[in-house]
């Protein structure tokens, strides 16, 4: 079984290491994008949770 992973970061607090998963950057967001940019986070997570193969 595989579980999709979507990492969401803000451009003001980017990742400092490489990862093997998709990364979505939210412009202007800092350390806690779900608090400061909830609609953008929801859009990225909604796309990541769409059924695979449809």
PDB file of N, CA and C in Angstrom:
ATOM      1  N   UNK A   1       0.849  -1.166   0.000  1.00  0.00           N
ATOM      2  CA  UNK A   1       0.000   0.000   0.000  1.00  0.00           C
ATOM      3  C   UNK A   1       0.897   1.232   0.000  1.00  0.00           C
ATOM      4  N   UNK A   2       0.518   2.231  -0.782  1.00  0.00           N
ATOM      5  CA  UNK A   2       1.249   3.492  -0.751  1.00  0.00           C
ATOM      6  C   UNK A   2       0.305   4.605  -0.341  1.00  0.00           C
ATOM      7  N   UNK A   3       0.869   5.570   0.319  1.00  0.00           N
ATOM      8  CA  UNK A   3       0.097   6.713   0.780  1.00  0.00           C
ATOM      9  C   UNK A   3       0.685   7.957   0.133  1.00  0.00           C
ATOM     10  N   UNK A   4      -0.136   8.747  -0.571  1.00  0.00           N
ATOM     11  CA  UNK A   4       0.394   9.957  -1.203  1.00  0.00           C
ATOM     12  C   UNK A   4       0.841  10.972  -0.150  1.00  0.00           C
ATOM     13  N   UNK A   5       1.950  11.623  -0.442  1.00  0.00           N
ATOM     14  CA  UNK A   5       2.494  12.644   0.455  1.00  0.00           C
ATOM     15  C   UNK A   5       2.650  13.930  -0.332  1.00  0.00           C
ATOM     16  N   UNK A   6       2.183  15.013   0.208  1.00  0.00           N
ATOM     17  CA  UNK A   6       2.350  16.340  -0.382  1.00  0.00           C
ATOM     18  C   UNK A   6       2.905  17.232   0.713  1.00  0.00           C
ATOM     19  N   UNK A   7       4.092  17.760   0.530  1.00  0.00           N
ATOM     20  CA  UNK A   7       4.701  18.657   1.492  1.00  0.00           C
ATOM     21  C   UNK A   7       4.376  20.083   1.065  1.00  0.00           C
ATOM     22  N   UNK A   8       3.864  20.869   2.004  1.00  0.00           N
ATOM     23  CA  UNK A   8       3.503  22.251   1.717  1.00  0.00           C
ATOM     24  C   UNK A   8       4.365  23.152   2.596  1.00  0.00           C
ATOM     25  N   UNK A   9       5.091  24.070   1.945  1.00  0.00           N
ATOM     26  CA  UNK A   9       5.951  25.002   2.672  1.00  0.00           C
ATOM     27  C   UNK A   9       5.687  26.416   2.186  1.00  0.00           C
ATOM     28  N   UNK A  10       6.062  27.367   3.000  1.00  0.00           N
ATOM     29  CA  UNK A  10       5.989  28.763   2.589  1.00  0.00           C
ATOM     30  C   UNK A  10       7.316  29.211   2.015  1.00  0.00           C
ATOM     31  N   UNK A  11       7.271  30.150   1.095  1.00  0.00           N
ATOM     32  CA  UNK A  11       8.509  30.643   0.495  1.00  0.00           C
ATOM     33  C   UNK A  11       9.371  31.385   1.518  1.00  0.00           C
ATOM     34  N   UNK A  12       8.760  31.877   2.599  1.00  0.00           N
ATOM     35  CA  UNK A  12       9.528  32.564   3.639  1.00  0.00           C
ATOM     36  C   UNK A  12      10.142  31.589   4.638  1.00  0.00           C
ATOM     37  N   UNK A  13       9.848  30.298   4.513  1.00  0.00           N
ATOM     38  CA  UNK A  13      10.414  29.262   5.379  1.00  0.00           C
ATOM     39  C   UNK A  13      10.601  27.992   4.553  1.00  0.00           C
ATOM     40  N   UNK A  14      11.500  28.030   3.569  1.00  0.00           N
ATOM     41  CA  UNK A  14      11.648  26.902   2.646  1.00  0.00           C
ATOM     42  C   UNK A  14      12.325  25.693   3.297  1.00  0.00           C
ATOM     43  N   UNK A  15      12.210  24.558   2.607  1.00  0.00           N
ATOM     44  CA  UNK A  15      12.908  23.358   3.063  1.00  0.00           C
ATOM     45  C   UNK A  15      14.408  23.588   3.011  1.00  0.00           C
ATOM     46  N   UNK A  16      15.136  22.960   3.917  1.00  0.00           N
ATOM     47  CA  UNK A  16      16.596  23.093   3.931  1.00  0.00           C
ATOM     48  C   UNK A  16      17.286  21.804   3.488  1.00  0.00           C
ATOM     49  N   UNK A  17      16.488  20.828   3.087  1.00  0.00           N
ATOM     50  CA  UNK A  17      17.019  19.557   2.625  1.00  0.00           C
ATOM     51  C   UNK A  17      16.177  19.071   1.456  1.00  0.00           C
ATOM     52  N   UNK A  18      16.710  18.180   0.674  1.00  0.00           N
ATOM     53  CA  UNK A  18      15.930  17.620  -0.425  1.00  0.00           C
ATOM     54  C   UNK A  18      15.059  16.476   0.095  1.00  0.00           C
ATOM     55  N   UNK A  19      13.941  16.286  -0.566  1.00  0.00           N
ATOM     56  CA  UNK A  19      13.008  15.223  -0.190  1.00  0.00           C
ATOM     57  C   UNK A  19      12.577  14.466  -1.440  1.00  0.00           C
ATOM     58  N   UNK A  20      12.070  13.268  -1.241  1.00  0.00           N
ATOM     59  CA  UNK A  20      11.611  12.426  -2.350  1.00  0.00           C
ATOM     60  C   UNK A  20      10.106  12.475  -2.534  1.00  0.00           C
ATOM     61  N   UNK A  21       9.492  13.583  -2.176  1.00  0.00           N
ATOM     62  CA  UNK A  21       8.055  13.756  -2.294  1.00  0.00           C
ATOM     63  C   UNK A  21       7.770  15.090  -2.965  1.00  0.00           C
ATOM     64  N   UNK A  22       6.596  15.240  -3.552  1.00  0.00           N
ATOM     65  CA  UNK A  22       6.248  16.531  -4.156  1.00  0.00           C
ATOM     66  C   UNK A  22       6.207  17.636  -3.098  1.00  0.00           C
ATOM     67  N   UNK A  23       6.692  18.799  -3.473  1.00  0.00           N
ATOM     68  CA  UNK A  23       6.697  19.952  -2.571  1.00  0.00           C
ATOM     69  C   UNK A  23       5.941  21.090  -3.247  1.00  0.00           C
ATOM     70  N   UNK A  24       4.988  21.637  -2.540  1.00  0.00           N
ATOM     71  CA  UNK A  24       4.256  22.813  -3.019  1.00  0.00           C
ATOM     72  C   UNK A  24       4.697  24.004  -2.181  1.00  0.00           C
ATOM     73  N   UNK A  25       5.071  25.087  -2.846  1.00  0.00           N
ATOM     74  CA  UNK A  25       5.453  26.305  -2.151  1.00  0.00           C
ATOM     75  C   UNK A  25       4.322  27.325  -2.249  1.00  0.00           C
ATOM     76  N   UNK A  26       4.040  27.962  -1.136  1.00  0.00           N
ATOM     77  CA  UNK A  26       3.013  28.991  -1.107  1.00  0.00           C
ATOM     78  C   UNK A  26       3.712  30.337  -0.943  1.00  0.00           C
ATOM     79  N   UNK A  27       3.553  31.184  -1.949  1.00  0.00           N
ATOM     80  CA  UNK A  27       4.208  32.489  -1.955  1.00  0.00           C
ATOM     81  C   UNK A  27       3.762  33.332  -0.765  1.00  0.00           C
ATOM     82  N   UNK A  28       4.731  33.886  -0.068  1.00  0.00           N
ATOM     83  CA  UNK A  28       4.449  34.783   1.039  1.00  0.00           C
ATOM     84  C   UNK A  28       4.179  34.105   2.367  1.00  0.00           C
ATOM     85  N   UNK A  29       4.038  32.800   2.374  1.00  0.00           N
ATOM     86  CA  UNK A  29       3.765  32.089   3.622  1.00  0.00           C
ATOM     87  C   UNK A  29       5.068  31.833   4.364  1.00  0.00           C
ATOM     88  N   UNK A  30       4.957  31.740   5.677  1.00  0.00           N
ATOM     89  CA  UNK A  30       6.117  31.465   6.507  1.00  0.00           C
ATOM     90  C   UNK A  30       6.084  30.058   7.065  1.00  0.00           C
ATOM     91  N   UNK A  31       6.315  29.943   8.366  1.00  0.00           N
ATOM     92  CA  UNK A  31       6.467  28.644   9.010  1.00  0.00           C
ATOM     93  C   UNK A  31       5.155  27.866   9.127  1.00  0.00           C
ATOM     94  N   UNK A  32       4.033  28.521   9.144  1.00  0.00           N
ATOM     95  CA  UNK A  32       2.768  27.814   9.383  1.00  0.00           C
ATOM     96  C   UNK A  32       1.716  28.192   8.339  1.00  0.00           C
ATOM     97  N   UNK A  33       1.876  27.722   7.098  1.00  0.00           N
ATOM     98  CA  UNK A  33       0.941  28.082   6.030  1.00  0.00           C
ATOM     99  C   UNK A  33      -0.534  27.749   6.308  1.00  0.00           C
ATOM    100  N   UNK A  34      -0.858  26.656   7.031  1.00  0.00           N
ATOM    101  CA  UNK A  34      -2.279  26.390   7.264  1.00  0.00           C
ATOM    102  C   UNK A  34      -2.975  27.501   8.055  1.00  0.00           C
ATOM    103  N   UNK A  35      -2.214  28.215   8.871  1.00  0.00           N
ATOM    104  CA  UNK A  35      -2.796  29.297   9.662  1.00  0.00           C
ATOM    105  C   UNK A  35      -2.901  30.584   8.854  1.00  0.00           C
ATOM    106  N   UNK A  36      -1.870  30.892   8.076  1.00  0.00           N
ATOM    107  CA  UNK A  36      -1.834  32.170   7.374  1.00  0.00           C
ATOM    108  C   UNK A  36      -2.400  32.127   5.959  1.00  0.00           C
ATOM    109  N   UNK A  37      -2.400  30.958   5.326  1.00  0.00           N
ATOM    110  CA  UNK A  37      -2.863  30.812   3.940  1.00  0.00           C
ATOM    111  C   UNK A  37      -3.714  29.541   3.789  1.00  0.00           C
ATOM    112  N   UNK A  38      -4.794  29.417   4.560  1.00  0.00           N
ATOM    113  CA  UNK A  38      -5.552  28.164   4.575  1.00  0.00           C
ATOM    114  C   UNK A  38      -6.158  27.768   3.233  1.00  0.00           C
ATOM    115  N   UNK A  39      -6.620  28.713   2.443  1.00  0.00           N
ATOM    116  CA  UNK A  39      -7.249  28.327   1.174  1.00  0.00           C
ATOM    117  C   UNK A  39      -6.230  27.755   0.195  1.00  0.00           C
ATOM    118  N   UNK A  40      -5.013  28.302   0.186  1.00  0.00           N
ATOM    119  CA  UNK A  40      -3.981  27.759  -0.702  1.00  0.00           C
ATOM    120  C   UNK A  40      -3.552  26.366  -0.250  1.00  0.00           C
ATOM    121  N   UNK A  41      -3.418  26.162   1.066  1.00  0.00           N
ATOM    122  CA  UNK A  41      -3.057  24.834   1.585  1.00  0.00           C
ATOM    123  C   UNK A  41      -4.147  23.830   1.227  1.00  0.00           C
ATOM    124  N   UNK A  42      -5.409  24.204   1.419  1.00  0.00           N
ATOM    125  CA  UNK A  42      -6.518  23.302   1.095  1.00  0.00           C
ATOM    126  C   UNK A  42      -6.512  22.933  -0.382  1.00  0.00           C
ATOM    127  N   UNK A  43      -6.212  23.891  -1.249  1.00  0.00           N
ATOM    128  CA  UNK A  43      -6.174  23.601  -2.685  1.00  0.00           C
ATOM    129  C   UNK A  43      -5.076  22.583  -3.001  1.00  0.00           C
ATOM    130  N   UNK A  44      -3.892  22.752  -2.424  1.00  0.00           N
ATOM    131  CA  UNK A  44      -2.792  21.814  -2.676  1.00  0.00           C
ATOM    132  C   UNK A  44      -3.108  20.421  -2.124  1.00  0.00           C
ATOM    133  N   UNK A  45      -3.667  20.366  -0.934  1.00  0.00           N
ATOM    134  CA  UNK A  45      -3.991  19.062  -0.340  1.00  0.00           C
ATOM    135  C   UNK A  45      -5.145  18.395  -1.061  1.00  0.00           C
ATOM    136  N   UNK A  46      -6.092  19.184  -1.535  1.00  0.00           N
ATOM    137  CA  UNK A  46      -7.199  18.618  -2.297  1.00  0.00           C
ATOM    138  C   UNK A  46      -6.713  17.964  -3.573  1.00  0.00           C
ATOM    139  N   UNK A  47      -5.772  18.616  -4.248  1.00  0.00           N
ATOM    140  CA  UNK A  47      -5.209  18.038  -5.471  1.00  0.00           C
ATOM    141  C   UNK A  47      -4.420  16.773  -5.164  1.00  0.00           C
ATOM    142  N   UNK A  48      -3.715  16.760  -4.037  1.00  0.00           N
ATOM    143  CA  UNK A  48      -2.897  15.607  -3.686  1.00  0.00           C
ATOM    144  C   UNK A  48      -3.753  14.415  -3.258  1.00  0.00           C
ATOM    145  N   UNK A  49      -4.954  14.675  -2.762  1.00  0.00           N
ATOM    146  CA  UNK A  49      -5.790  13.579  -2.263  1.00  0.00           C
ATOM    147  C   UNK A  49      -6.783  13.070  -3.304  1.00  0.00           C
ATOM    148  N   UNK A  50      -6.734  13.614  -4.506  1.00  0.00           N
ATOM    149  CA  UNK A  50      -7.616  13.133  -5.568  1.00  0.00           C
ATOM    150  C   UNK A  50      -7.316  11.673  -5.863  1.00  0.00           C
ATOM    151  N   UNK A  51      -8.333  10.910  -6.201  1.00  0.00           N
ATOM    152  CA  UNK A  51      -8.092   9.493  -6.511  1.00  0.00           C
ATOM    153  C   UNK A  51      -7.047   9.323  -7.608  1.00  0.00           C
ATOM    154  N   UNK A  52      -6.173   8.387  -7.412  1.00  0.00           N
ATOM    155  CA  UNK A  52      -5.107   8.105  -8.391  1.00  0.00           C
ATOM    156  C   UNK A  52      -5.691   7.310  -9.559  1.00  0.00           C
ATOM    157  N   UNK A  53      -5.335   7.703 -10.753  1.00  0.00           N
ATOM    158  CA  UNK A  53      -5.762   6.964 -11.936  1.00  0.00           C
ATOM    159  C   UNK A  53      -7.123   7.369 -12.474  1.00  0.00           C
ATOM    160  N   UNK A  54      -7.656   8.497 -11.975  1.00  0.00           N
ATOM    161  CA  UNK A  54      -8.955   8.925 -12.483  1.00  0.00           C
ATOM    162  C   UNK A  54      -8.813  10.161 -13.327  1.00  0.00           C
TER     163      UNK A  54
END
